[in-house]
Amino acid sequence: MTAKFVLKKMSPIHCARGPTRCEKCKEYAQQTKIALLKVLTQDKGLQARPIIELEINGEKQFYPFDVIKYFDALEEAKNYANERDLTIYKTLLD
């Protein structure tokens, strides 16, 4: 399974129900963190996972991802990735 690592500014994920039906998700939606994501570019499984739109080799597609860890600051996330020899493919801060 091939993976790419992405840093993305986002609200923490709690469950699939989302902030309209889950109190904890509603609480998390008020926060913004930097997430280190492991984007699974070759995953063909039928598991329910969050997805992200990502352009790879000039082609935009939707890929499932796993959250590795949340950080309060971008530098903290970059240091964490460097310490673990993870190459950041893209940083999405908008």
C-alpha atoms as a PDB file:
ATOM      1  CA  MET A   1       0.000   0.000   0.000  1.00  0.00           C
ATOM      2  CA  THR A   2       1.495   3.311  -1.094  1.00  0.00           C
ATOM      3  CA  ALA A   3       1.032   6.354   1.125  1.00  0.00           C
ATOM      4  CA  LYS A   4       1.808  10.061   1.010  1.00  0.00           C
ATOM      5  CA  PHE A   5       2.005  12.289   4.074  1.00  0.00           C
ATOM      6  CA  VAL A   6       0.112  15.580   4.104  1.00  0.00           C
ATOM      7  CA  LEU A   7      -0.088  18.385   6.669  1.00  0.00           C
ATOM      8  CA  LYS A   8      -3.573  19.907   6.701  1.00  0.00           C
ATOM      9  CA  LYS A   9      -5.201  22.614   8.813  1.00  0.00           C
ATOM     10  CA  MET A  10      -8.513  21.135   9.960  1.00  0.00           C
ATOM     11  CA  SER A  11     -10.820  20.435  12.873  1.00  0.00           C
ATOM     12  CA  PRO A  12     -10.126  17.180  14.707  1.00  0.00           C
ATOM     13  CA  ILE A  13     -12.254  14.217  13.630  1.00  0.00           C
ATOM     14  CA  HIS A  14     -14.227  12.341  16.262  1.00  0.00           C
ATOM     15  CA  CYS A  15     -16.732  10.110  14.464  1.00  0.00           C
ATOM     16  CA  ALA A  16     -18.678   9.645  11.229  1.00  0.00           C
ATOM     17  CA  ARG A  17     -21.872  11.252  12.572  1.00  0.00           C
ATOM     18  CA  GLY A  18     -20.395  14.757  12.415  1.00  0.00           C
ATOM     19  CA  PRO A  19     -21.098  17.954  14.382  1.00  0.00           C
ATOM     20  CA  THR A  20     -24.823  18.070  13.613  1.00  0.00           C
ATOM     21  CA  ARG A  21     -25.495  14.749  15.368  1.00  0.00           C
ATOM     22  CA  CYS A  22     -22.600  14.353  17.832  1.00  0.00           C
ATOM     23  CA  GLU A  23     -21.838  16.677  20.760  1.00  0.00           C
ATOM     24  CA  LYS A  24     -18.142  15.776  20.853  1.00  0.00           C
ATOM     25  CA  CYS A  25     -17.817  16.452  17.095  1.00  0.00           C
ATOM     26  CA  LYS A  26     -19.575  19.807  17.642  1.00  0.00           C
ATOM     27  CA  GLU A  27     -17.012  20.662  20.334  1.00  0.00           C
ATOM     28  CA  TYR A  28     -14.107  19.602  18.084  1.00  0.00           C
ATOM     29  CA  ALA A  29     -15.487  21.652  15.165  1.00  0.00           C
ATOM     30  CA  GLN A  30     -14.733  24.808  17.182  1.00  0.00           C
ATOM     31  CA  GLN A  31     -10.997  23.977  17.156  1.00  0.00           C
ATOM     32  CA  THR A  32      -8.471  24.141  14.340  1.00  0.00           C
ATOM     33  CA  LYS A  33      -5.298  22.073  14.438  1.00  0.00           C
ATOM     34  CA  ILE A  34      -2.572  20.941  12.064  1.00  0.00           C
ATOM     35  CA  ALA A  35      -3.134  17.281  11.225  1.00  0.00           C
ATOM     36  CA  LEU A  36      -0.500  14.893   9.926  1.00  0.00           C
ATOM     37  CA  LEU A  37      -2.392  12.682   7.481  1.00  0.00           C
ATOM     38  CA  LYS A  38      -1.328   9.402   5.938  1.00  0.00           C
ATOM     39  CA  VAL A  39      -3.062   9.459   2.536  1.00  0.00           C
ATOM     40  CA  LEU A  40      -3.566   5.962   1.160  1.00  0.00           C
ATOM     41  CA  THR A  41      -3.058   6.405  -2.586  1.00  0.00           C
ATOM     42  CA  GLN A  42      -3.386   2.730  -3.545  1.00  0.00           C
ATOM     43  CA  ASP A  43      -6.119   1.678  -1.103  1.00  0.00           C
ATOM     44  CA  LYS A  44      -8.888  -0.207  -2.882  1.00  0.00           C
ATOM     45  CA  GLY A  45     -10.577  -1.526   0.260  1.00  0.00           C
ATOM     46  CA  LEU A  46     -14.237  -1.101   1.067  1.00  0.00           C
ATOM     47  CA  GLN A  47     -13.728   0.345   4.533  1.00  0.00           C
ATOM     48  CA  ALA A  48     -15.518   3.531   5.554  1.00  0.00           C
ATOM     49  CA  ARG A  49     -12.829   6.209   5.952  1.00  0.00           C
ATOM     50  CA  PRO A  50     -12.571   9.973   5.689  1.00  0.00           C
ATOM     51  CA  ILE A  51     -11.396  11.135   2.271  1.00  0.00           C
ATOM     52  CA  ILE A  52      -9.358  14.026   0.917  1.00  0.00           C
ATOM     53  CA  GLU A  53      -9.119  15.472  -2.588  1.00  0.00           C
ATOM     54  CA  LEU A  54      -5.475  15.524  -3.615  1.00  0.00           C
ATOM     55  CA  GLU A  55      -3.678  16.230  -6.880  1.00  0.00           C
ATOM     56  CA  ILE A  56      -1.029  13.626  -7.690  1.00  0.00           C
ATOM     57  CA  ASN A  57       0.798  13.669 -11.043  1.00  0.00           C
ATOM     58  CA  GLY A  58      -1.527  16.411 -12.291  1.00  0.00           C
ATOM     59  CA  GLU A  59      -4.674  14.393 -11.595  1.00  0.00           C
ATOM     60  CA  LYS A  60      -7.145  15.290  -8.827  1.00  0.00           C
ATOM     61  CA  GLN A  61      -8.722  12.326  -7.079  1.00  0.00           C
ATOM     62  CA  PHE A  62     -10.266  11.450  -3.747  1.00  0.00           C
ATOM     63  CA  TYR A  63      -8.196   9.281  -1.425  1.00  0.00           C
ATOM     64  CA  PRO A  64      -8.882   7.780   2.006  1.00  0.00           C
ATOM     65  CA  PHE A  65      -6.655   8.908   4.858  1.00  0.00           C
ATOM     66  CA  ASP A  66      -5.716   8.140   8.437  1.00  0.00           C
ATOM     67  CA  VAL A  67      -4.887  10.858  10.963  1.00  0.00           C
ATOM     68  CA  ILE A  68      -1.464  10.167  12.466  1.00  0.00           C
ATOM     69  CA  LYS A  69      -1.480  13.033  14.981  1.00  0.00           C
ATOM     70  CA  TYR A  70      -2.813  16.559  15.623  1.00  0.00           C
ATOM     71  CA  PHE A  71      -0.552  19.532  16.423  1.00  0.00           C
ATOM     72  CA  ASP A  72      -1.091  23.104  17.610  1.00  0.00           C
ATOM     73  CA  ALA A  73       1.645  24.568  15.369  1.00  0.00           C
ATOM     74  CA  LEU A  74       2.999  23.852  11.886  1.00  0.00           C
ATOM     75  CA  GLU A  75       6.628  23.777  13.058  1.00  0.00           C
ATOM     76  CA  GLU A  76       5.755  21.178  15.686  1.00  0.00           C
ATOM     77  CA  ALA A  77       4.196  18.990  12.969  1.00  0.00           C
ATOM     78  CA  LYS A  78       7.197  19.399  10.653  1.00  0.00           C
ATOM     79  CA  ASN A  79       9.613  18.496  13.450  1.00  0.00           C
ATOM     80  CA  TYR A  80       7.574  15.390  14.286  1.00  0.00           C
ATOM     81  CA  ALA A  81       7.650  14.283  10.634  1.00  0.00           C
ATOM     82  CA  ASN A  82      11.394  14.967  10.299  1.00  0.00           C
ATOM     83  CA  GLU A  83      12.193  12.986  13.455  1.00  0.00           C
ATOM     84  CA  ARG A  84      10.391   9.988  11.935  1.00  0.00           C
ATOM     85  CA  ASP A  85      11.824  10.395   8.401  1.00  0.00           C
ATOM     86  CA  LEU A  86       8.390  11.094   6.906  1.00  0.00           C
ATOM     87  CA  THR A  87       8.471  13.075   3.664  1.00  0.00           C
ATOM     88  CA  ILE A  88       5.684  15.652   3.524  1.00  0.00           C
ATOM     89  CA  TYR A  89       4.096  15.549   0.066  1.00  0.00           C
ATOM     90  CA  LYS A  90       1.937  18.654   0.511  1.00  0.00           C
ATOM     91  CA  THR A  91       0.956  21.251   3.129  1.00  0.00           C
ATOM     92  CA  LEU A  92      -2.650  22.504   2.989  1.00  0.00           C
ATOM     93  CA  LEU A  93      -3.258  25.481   5.263  1.00  0.00           C
ATOM     94  CA  ASP A  94      -6.342  27.084   3.710  1.00  0.00           C
END
